[in-house]
């Protein structure tokens, strides 16, 4: 794994709002892809393939949802 990629931006899952948490979940999901396939040219070549595949798009959504659930739990679901 590349030492130059920070898998948790800012080294914290704590966000001010659910909206910020969702954005962090998307960012973290994108980082998973970057670490899994570090070659940017390969990622670019594959993008049109998964953009047309419903199952792959659903899998992407599930990855974001899992990340968001983790972030929401870390933020005590934004309860004050």
PDB file of N, CA and C in Angstrom:
ATOM      1  N   UNK A   1       0.839  -1.174   0.000  1.00  0.00           N
ATOM      2  CA  UNK A   1       0.000   0.000   0.000  1.00  0.00           C
ATOM      3  C   UNK A   1       0.882   1.234   0.000  1.00  0.00           C
ATOM      4  N   UNK A   2       0.452   2.233  -0.709  1.00  0.00           N
ATOM      5  CA  UNK A   2       1.220   3.463  -0.827  1.00  0.00           C
ATOM      6  C   UNK A   2       1.169   4.262   0.470  1.00  0.00           C
ATOM      7  N   UNK A   3       2.345   4.701   0.940  1.00  0.00           N
ATOM      8  CA  UNK A   3       2.400   5.518   2.140  1.00  0.00           C
ATOM      9  C   UNK A   3       1.925   6.937   1.866  1.00  0.00           C
ATOM     10  N   UNK A   4       1.857   7.350   0.616  1.00  0.00           N
ATOM     11  CA  UNK A   4       1.491   8.722   0.284  1.00  0.00           C
ATOM     12  C   UNK A   4      -0.021   8.952   0.301  1.00  0.00           C
ATOM     13  N   UNK A   5      -0.814   7.907   0.360  1.00  0.00           N
ATOM     14  CA  UNK A   5      -2.269   8.053   0.371  1.00  0.00           C
ATOM     15  C   UNK A   5      -2.766   7.920   1.802  1.00  0.00           C
ATOM     16  N   UNK A   6      -3.420   8.972   2.290  1.00  0.00           N
ATOM     17  CA  UNK A   6      -4.007   8.941   3.617  1.00  0.00           C
ATOM     18  C   UNK A   6      -5.413   8.378   3.484  1.00  0.00           C
ATOM     19  N   UNK A   7      -5.651   7.208   4.060  1.00  0.00           N
ATOM     20  CA  UNK A   7      -6.924   6.518   3.880  1.00  0.00           C
ATOM     21  C   UNK A   7      -8.075   7.171   4.629  1.00  0.00           C
ATOM     22  N   UNK A   8      -7.778   7.883   5.703  1.00  0.00           N
ATOM     23  CA  UNK A   8      -8.797   8.639   6.421  1.00  0.00           C
ATOM     24  C   UNK A   8      -8.373  10.108   6.371  1.00  0.00           C
ATOM     25  N   UNK A   9      -8.948  10.876   5.451  1.00  0.00           N
ATOM     26  CA  UNK A   9      -8.551  12.273   5.310  1.00  0.00           C
ATOM     27  C   UNK A   9      -8.660  13.023   6.640  1.00  0.00           C
ATOM     28  N   UNK A  10      -7.604  13.728   7.007  1.00  0.00           N
ATOM     29  CA  UNK A  10      -7.583  14.440   8.271  1.00  0.00           C
ATOM     30  C   UNK A  10      -7.416  13.536   9.473  1.00  0.00           C
ATOM     31  N   UNK A  11      -7.261  12.238   9.225  1.00  0.00           N
ATOM     32  CA  UNK A  11      -7.075  11.225  10.264  1.00  0.00           C
ATOM     33  C   UNK A  11      -8.197  11.234  11.300  1.00  0.00           C
ATOM     34  N   UNK A  12      -9.422  11.566  10.851  1.00  0.00           N
ATOM     35  CA  UNK A  12     -10.568  11.587  11.753  1.00  0.00           C
ATOM     36  C   UNK A  12     -11.848  11.276  10.986  1.00  0.00           C
ATOM     37  N   UNK A  13     -12.736  10.544  11.634  1.00  0.00           N
ATOM     38  CA  UNK A  13     -14.054  10.283  11.071  1.00  0.00           C
ATOM     39  C   UNK A  13     -15.089  11.280  11.587  1.00  0.00           C
ATOM     40  N   UNK A  14     -14.690  12.186  12.448  1.00  0.00           N
ATOM     41  CA  UNK A  14     -15.606  13.137  13.052  1.00  0.00           C
ATOM     42  C   UNK A  14     -15.921  14.258  12.063  1.00  0.00           C
ATOM     43  N   UNK A  15     -17.203  14.497  11.829  1.00  0.00           N
ATOM     44  CA  UNK A  15     -17.661  15.568  10.949  1.00  0.00           C
ATOM     45  C   UNK A  15     -18.729  16.370  11.689  1.00  0.00           C
ATOM     46  N   UNK A  16     -18.942  17.591  11.230  1.00  0.00           N
ATOM     47  CA  UNK A  16     -19.925  18.472  11.867  1.00  0.00           C
ATOM     48  C   UNK A  16     -21.365  18.078  11.549  1.00  0.00           C
ATOM     49  N   UNK A  17     -21.595  17.576  10.336  1.00  0.00           N
ATOM     50  CA  UNK A  17     -22.961  17.297   9.889  1.00  0.00           C
ATOM     51  C   UNK A  17     -23.018  15.967   9.142  1.00  0.00           C
ATOM     52  N   UNK A  18     -24.217  15.410   9.010  1.00  0.00           N
ATOM     53  CA  UNK A  18     -24.358  14.213   8.177  1.00  0.00           C
ATOM     54  C   UNK A  18     -23.919  14.453   6.735  1.00  0.00           C
ATOM     55  N   UNK A  19     -24.178  15.645   6.198  1.00  0.00           N
ATOM     56  CA  UNK A  19     -23.766  15.967   4.820  1.00  0.00           C
ATOM     57  C   UNK A  19     -22.246  15.866   4.680  1.00  0.00           C
ATOM     58  N   UNK A  20     -21.522  16.424   5.651  1.00  0.00           N
ATOM     59  CA  UNK A  20     -20.063  16.311   5.635  1.00  0.00           C
ATOM     60  C   UNK A  20     -19.635  14.849   5.797  1.00  0.00           C
ATOM     61  N   UNK A  21     -20.382  14.097   6.586  1.00  0.00           N
ATOM     62  CA  UNK A  21     -20.092  12.673   6.752  1.00  0.00           C
ATOM     63  C   UNK A  21     -20.263  11.907   5.458  1.00  0.00           C
ATOM     64  N   UNK A  22     -21.302  12.236   4.730  1.00  0.00           N
ATOM     65  CA  UNK A  22     -21.550  11.576   3.435  1.00  0.00           C
ATOM     66  C   UNK A  22     -20.429  11.904   2.447  1.00  0.00           C
ATOM     67  N   UNK A  23     -20.004  13.164   2.420  1.00  0.00           N
ATOM     68  CA  UNK A  23     -18.903  13.554   1.531  1.00  0.00           C
ATOM     69  C   UNK A  23     -17.617  12.809   1.912  1.00  0.00           C
ATOM     70  N   UNK A  24     -17.380  12.656   3.212  1.00  0.00           N
ATOM     71  CA  UNK A  24     -16.211  11.906   3.659  1.00  0.00           C
ATOM     72  C   UNK A  24     -16.315  10.443   3.240  1.00  0.00           C
ATOM     73  N   UNK A  25     -17.509   9.873   3.337  1.00  0.00           N
ATOM     74  CA  UNK A  25     -17.713   8.474   2.923  1.00  0.00           C
ATOM     75  C   UNK A  25     -17.391   8.297   1.441  1.00  0.00           C
ATOM     76  N   UNK A  26     -17.816   9.244   0.622  1.00  0.00           N
ATOM     77  CA  UNK A  26     -17.522   9.175  -0.817  1.00  0.00           C
ATOM     78  C   UNK A  26     -16.018   9.272  -1.046  1.00  0.00           C
ATOM     79  N   UNK A  27     -15.376  10.209  -0.352  1.00  0.00           N
ATOM     80  CA  UNK A  27     -13.919  10.385  -0.483  1.00  0.00           C
ATOM     81  C   UNK A  27     -13.196   9.093  -0.093  1.00  0.00           C
ATOM     82  N   UNK A  28     -13.598   8.510   1.035  1.00  0.00           N
ATOM     83  CA  UNK A  28     -12.939   7.289   1.493  1.00  0.00           C
ATOM     84  C   UNK A  28     -13.166   6.133   0.513  1.00  0.00           C
ATOM     85  N   UNK A  29     -14.360   6.064  -0.058  1.00  0.00           N
ATOM     86  CA  UNK A  29     -14.642   5.014  -1.043  1.00  0.00           C
ATOM     87  C   UNK A  29     -13.769   5.175  -2.279  1.00  0.00           C
ATOM     88  N   UNK A  30     -13.560   6.416  -2.699  1.00  0.00           N
ATOM     89  CA  UNK A  30     -12.689   6.671  -3.853  1.00  0.00           C
ATOM     90  C   UNK A  30     -11.247   6.286  -3.538  1.00  0.00           C
ATOM     91  N   UNK A  31     -10.832   6.519  -2.291  1.00  0.00           N
ATOM     92  CA  UNK A  31      -9.475   6.152  -1.899  1.00  0.00           C
ATOM     93  C   UNK A  31      -9.274   4.639  -1.914  1.00  0.00           C
ATOM     94  N   UNK A  32     -10.327   3.893  -1.582  1.00  0.00           N
ATOM     95  CA  UNK A  32     -10.253   2.428  -1.646  1.00  0.00           C
ATOM     96  C   UNK A  32      -9.926   1.993  -3.073  1.00  0.00           C
ATOM     97  N   UNK A  33     -10.601   2.603  -4.035  1.00  0.00           N
ATOM     98  CA  UNK A  33     -10.356   2.271  -5.442  1.00  0.00           C
ATOM     99  C   UNK A  33      -8.936   2.647  -5.837  1.00  0.00           C
ATOM    100  N   UNK A  34      -8.486   3.818  -5.406  1.00  0.00           N
ATOM    101  CA  UNK A  34      -7.135   4.276  -5.744  1.00  0.00           C
ATOM    102  C   UNK A  34      -6.063   3.344  -5.181  1.00  0.00           C
ATOM    103  N   UNK A  35      -6.270   2.858  -3.981  1.00  0.00           N
ATOM    104  CA  UNK A  35      -5.301   1.939  -3.375  1.00  0.00           C
ATOM    105  C   UNK A  35      -5.358   0.569  -4.062  1.00  0.00           C
ATOM    106  N   UNK A  36      -6.584   0.128  -4.370  1.00  0.00           N
ATOM    107  CA  UNK A  36      -6.748  -1.180  -5.005  1.00  0.00           C
ATOM    108  C   UNK A  36      -6.163  -1.197  -6.409  1.00  0.00           C
ATOM    109  N   UNK A  37      -6.374  -0.094  -7.159  1.00  0.00           N
ATOM    110  CA  UNK A  37      -5.817   0.017  -8.511  1.00  0.00           C
ATOM    111  C   UNK A  37      -5.050   1.340  -8.587  1.00  0.00           C
ATOM    112  N   UNK A  38      -3.759   1.314  -8.243  1.00  0.00           N
ATOM    113  CA  UNK A  38      -2.980   2.550  -8.190  1.00  0.00           C
ATOM    114  C   UNK A  38      -2.659   3.169  -9.553  1.00  0.00           C
ATOM    115  N   UNK A  39      -2.848   2.440 -10.638  1.00  0.00           N
ATOM    116  CA  UNK A  39      -2.534   2.952 -11.973  1.00  0.00           C
ATOM    117  C   UNK A  39      -3.700   3.802 -12.495  1.00  0.00           C
ATOM    118  N   UNK A  40      -3.509   5.113 -12.563  1.00  0.00           N
ATOM    119  CA  UNK A  40      -4.568   6.032 -12.998  1.00  0.00           C
ATOM    120  C   UNK A  40      -5.044   5.724 -14.413  1.00  0.00           C
ATOM    121  N   UNK A  41      -4.144   5.307 -15.278  1.00  0.00           N
ATOM    122  CA  UNK A  41      -4.527   4.995 -16.662  1.00  0.00           C
ATOM    123  C   UNK A  41      -5.478   3.798 -16.699  1.00  0.00           C
ATOM    124  N   UNK A  42      -5.221   2.820 -15.869  1.00  0.00           N
ATOM    125  CA  UNK A  42      -6.111   1.653 -15.810  1.00  0.00           C
ATOM    126  C   UNK A  42      -7.478   2.075 -15.268  1.00  0.00           C
ATOM    127  N   UNK A  43      -7.495   2.892 -14.209  1.00  0.00           N
ATOM    128  CA  UNK A  43      -8.775   3.361 -13.668  1.00  0.00           C
ATOM    129  C   UNK A  43      -9.569   4.119 -14.726  1.00  0.00           C
ATOM    130  N   UNK A  44      -8.910   4.967 -15.499  1.00  0.00           N
ATOM    131  CA  UNK A  44      -9.581   5.710 -16.570  1.00  0.00           C
ATOM    132  C   UNK A  44     -10.143   4.773 -17.631  1.00  0.00           C
ATOM    133  N   UNK A  45      -9.380   3.741 -17.963  1.00  0.00           N
ATOM    134  CA  UNK A  45      -9.817   2.788 -18.980  1.00  0.00           C
ATOM    135  C   UNK A  45     -11.023   1.982 -18.499  1.00  0.00           C
ATOM    136  N   UNK A  46     -11.087   1.699 -17.199  1.00  0.00           N
ATOM    137  CA  UNK A  46     -12.173   0.887 -16.646  1.00  0.00           C
ATOM    138  C   UNK A  46     -13.450   1.688 -16.384  1.00  0.00           C
ATOM    139  N   UNK A  47     -13.325   2.994 -16.197  1.00  0.00           N
ATOM    140  CA  UNK A  47     -14.483   3.820 -15.831  1.00  0.00           C
ATOM    141  C   UNK A  47     -15.669   3.632 -16.778  1.00  0.00           C
ATOM    142  N   UNK A  48     -15.492   3.655 -18.098  1.00  0.00           N
ATOM    143  CA  UNK A  48     -16.649   3.460 -18.981  1.00  0.00           C
ATOM    144  C   UNK A  48     -17.295   2.080 -18.831  1.00  0.00           C
ATOM    145  N   UNK A  49     -16.506   1.096 -18.431  1.00  0.00           N
ATOM    146  CA  UNK A  49     -17.049  -0.254 -18.260  1.00  0.00           C
ATOM    147  C   UNK A  49     -18.000  -0.285 -17.077  1.00  0.00           C
ATOM    148  N   UNK A  50     -17.560   0.195 -15.907  1.00  0.00           N
ATOM    149  CA  UNK A  50     -18.451   0.113 -14.753  1.00  0.00           C
ATOM    150  C   UNK A  50     -19.567   1.155 -14.814  1.00  0.00           C
ATOM    151  N   UNK A  51     -19.385   2.212 -15.597  1.00  0.00           N
ATOM    152  CA  UNK A  51     -20.441   3.215 -15.744  1.00  0.00           C
ATOM    153  C   UNK A  51     -21.665   2.645 -16.448  1.00  0.00           C
ATOM    154  N   UNK A  52     -21.492   1.561 -17.207  1.00  0.00           N
ATOM    155  CA  UNK A  52     -22.587   0.933 -17.937  1.00  0.00           C
ATOM    156  C   UNK A  52     -23.059  -0.367 -17.298  1.00  0.00           C
ATOM    157  N   UNK A  53     -22.524  -0.701 -16.127  1.00  0.00           N
ATOM    158  CA  UNK A  53     -22.850  -1.975 -15.479  1.00  0.00           C
ATOM    159  C   UNK A  53     -23.615  -1.704 -14.190  1.00  0.00           C
ATOM    160  N   UNK A  54     -24.912  -2.024 -14.190  1.00  0.00           N
ATOM    161  CA  UNK A  54     -25.765  -1.738 -13.030  1.00  0.00           C
ATOM    162  C   UNK A  54     -25.249  -2.417 -11.763  1.00  0.00           C
ATOM    163  N   UNK A  55     -24.784  -3.645 -11.861  1.00  0.00           N
ATOM    164  CA  UNK A  55     -24.301  -4.360 -10.676  1.00  0.00           C
ATOM    165  C   UNK A  55     -23.073  -3.679 -10.082  1.00  0.00           C
ATOM    166  N   UNK A  56     -22.196  -3.191 -10.939  1.00  0.00           N
ATOM    167  CA  UNK A  56     -21.009  -2.489 -10.438  1.00  0.00           C
ATOM    168  C   UNK A  56     -21.389  -1.161  -9.796  1.00  0.00           C
ATOM    169  N   UNK A  57     -22.355  -0.459 -10.369  1.00  0.00           N
ATOM    170  CA  UNK A  57     -22.799   0.807  -9.794  1.00  0.00           C
ATOM    171  C   UNK A  57     -23.458   0.578  -8.432  1.00  0.00           C
ATOM    172  N   UNK A  58     -24.230  -0.492  -8.309  1.00  0.00           N
ATOM    173  CA  UNK A  58     -24.832  -0.834  -7.017  1.00  0.00           C
ATOM    174  C   UNK A  58     -23.738  -1.150  -6.003  1.00  0.00           C
ATOM    175  N   UNK A  59     -22.708  -1.870  -6.417  1.00  0.00           N
ATOM    176  CA  UNK A  59     -21.596  -2.199  -5.517  1.00  0.00           C
ATOM    177  C   UNK A  59     -20.889  -0.929  -5.031  1.00  0.00           C
ATOM    178  N   UNK A  60     -20.746   0.049  -5.901  1.00  0.00           N
ATOM    179  CA  UNK A  60     -20.138   1.327  -5.516  1.00  0.00           C
ATOM    180  C   UNK A  60     -21.004   2.001  -4.449  1.00  0.00           C
ATOM    181  N   UNK A  61     -22.309   2.007  -4.682  1.00  0.00           N
ATOM    182  CA  UNK A  61     -23.231   2.588  -3.707  1.00  0.00           C
ATOM    183  C   UNK A  61     -23.159   1.885  -2.367  1.00  0.00           C
ATOM    184  N   UNK A  62     -23.022   0.564  -2.382  1.00  0.00           N
ATOM    185  CA  UNK A  62     -22.904  -0.201  -1.140  1.00  0.00           C
ATOM    186  C   UNK A  62     -21.616   0.143  -0.398  1.00  0.00           C
ATOM    187  N   UNK A  63     -20.544   0.340  -1.126  1.00  0.00           N
ATOM    188  CA  UNK A  63     -19.269   0.712  -0.508  1.00  0.00           C
ATOM    189  C   UNK A  63     -19.396   2.059   0.193  1.00  0.00           C
ATOM    190  N   UNK A  64     -20.012   3.023  -0.470  1.00  0.00           N
ATOM    191  CA  UNK A  64     -20.212   4.338   0.146  1.00  0.00           C
ATOM    192  C   UNK A  64     -21.109   4.201   1.384  1.00  0.00           C
ATOM    193  N   UNK A  65     -22.151   3.400   1.282  1.00  0.00           N
ATOM    194  CA  UNK A  65     -23.076   3.223   2.411  1.00  0.00           C
ATOM    195  C   UNK A  65     -22.368   2.618   3.621  1.00  0.00           C
ATOM    196  N   UNK A  66     -21.495   1.666   3.393  1.00  0.00           N
ATOM    197  CA  UNK A  66     -20.741   1.057   4.493  1.00  0.00           C
ATOM    198  C   UNK A  66     -19.827   2.083   5.138  1.00  0.00           C
ATOM    199  N   UNK A  67     -19.128   2.859   4.321  1.00  0.00           N
ATOM    200  CA  UNK A  67     -18.264   3.913   4.862  1.00  0.00           C
ATOM    201  C   UNK A  67     -19.094   4.924   5.653  1.00  0.00           C
ATOM    202  N   UNK A  68     -20.270   5.309   5.118  1.00  0.00           N
ATOM    203  CA  UNK A  68     -21.112   6.290   5.788  1.00  0.00           C
ATOM    204  C   UNK A  68     -21.616   5.750   7.121  1.00  0.00           C
ATOM    205  N   UNK A  69     -21.981   4.483   7.170  1.00  0.00           N
ATOM    206  CA  UNK A  69     -22.441   3.885   8.432  1.00  0.00           C
ATOM    207  C   UNK A  69     -21.338   3.934   9.488  1.00  0.00           C
ATOM    208  N   UNK A  70     -20.114   3.681   9.082  1.00  0.00           N
ATOM    209  CA  UNK A  70     -18.973   3.748  10.004  1.00  0.00           C
ATOM    210  C   UNK A  70     -18.789   5.172  10.518  1.00  0.00           C
ATOM    211  N   UNK A  71     -18.865   6.144   9.616  1.00  0.00           N
ATOM    212  CA  UNK A  71     -18.698   7.547   9.989  1.00  0.00           C
ATOM    213  C   UNK A  71     -19.851   7.997  10.894  1.00  0.00           C
ATOM    214  N   UNK A  72     -21.067   7.602  10.562  1.00  0.00           N
ATOM    215  CA  UNK A  72     -22.222   7.972  11.384  1.00  0.00           C
ATOM    216  C   UNK A  72     -22.079   7.418  12.803  1.00  0.00           C
ATOM    217  N   UNK A  73     -21.645   6.186  12.921  1.00  0.00           N
ATOM    218  CA  UNK A  73     -21.449   5.593  14.251  1.00  0.00           C
ATOM    219  C   UNK A  73     -20.358   6.346  15.011  1.00  0.00           C
ATOM    220  N   UNK A  74     -19.292   6.705  14.334  1.00  0.00           N
ATOM    221  CA  UNK A  74     -18.193   7.437  14.982  1.00  0.00           C
ATOM    222  C   UNK A  74     -18.665   8.809  15.463  1.00  0.00           C
ATOM    223  N   UNK A  75     -19.665   9.359  14.808  1.00  0.00           N
ATOM    224  CA  UNK A  75     -20.197  10.666  15.170  1.00  0.00           C
ATOM    225  C   UNK A  75     -21.425  10.555  16.072  1.00  0.00           C
ATOM    226  N   UNK A  76     -21.638   9.362  16.626  1.00  0.00           N
ATOM    227  CA  UNK A  76     -22.823   9.116  17.463  1.00  0.00           C
ATOM    228  C   UNK A  76     -24.082   9.601  16.752  1.00  0.00           C
ATOM    229  N   UNK A  77     -24.122   9.388  15.448  1.00  0.00           N
ATOM    230  CA  UNK A  77     -25.252   9.738  14.600  1.00  0.00           C
ATOM    231  C   UNK A  77     -25.631  11.213  14.735  1.00  0.00           C
ATOM    232  N   UNK A  78     -24.640  12.040  15.021  1.00  0.00           N
ATOM    233  CA  UNK A  78     -24.768  13.495  15.126  1.00  0.00           C
ATOM    234  C   UNK A  78     -25.731  13.927  16.221  1.00  0.00           C
ATOM    235  N   UNK A  79     -25.884  13.058  17.227  1.00  0.00           N
ATOM    236  CA  UNK A  79     -26.710  13.430  18.383  1.00  0.00           C
ATOM    237  C   UNK A  79     -25.898  14.374  19.265  1.00  0.00           C
ATOM    238  N   UNK A  80     -26.538  15.389  19.729  1.00  0.00           N
ATOM    239  CA  UNK A  80     -25.875  16.350  20.620  1.00  0.00           C
ATOM    240  C   UNK A  80     -26.209  16.040  22.062  1.00  0.00           C
TER     241      UNK A  80
END
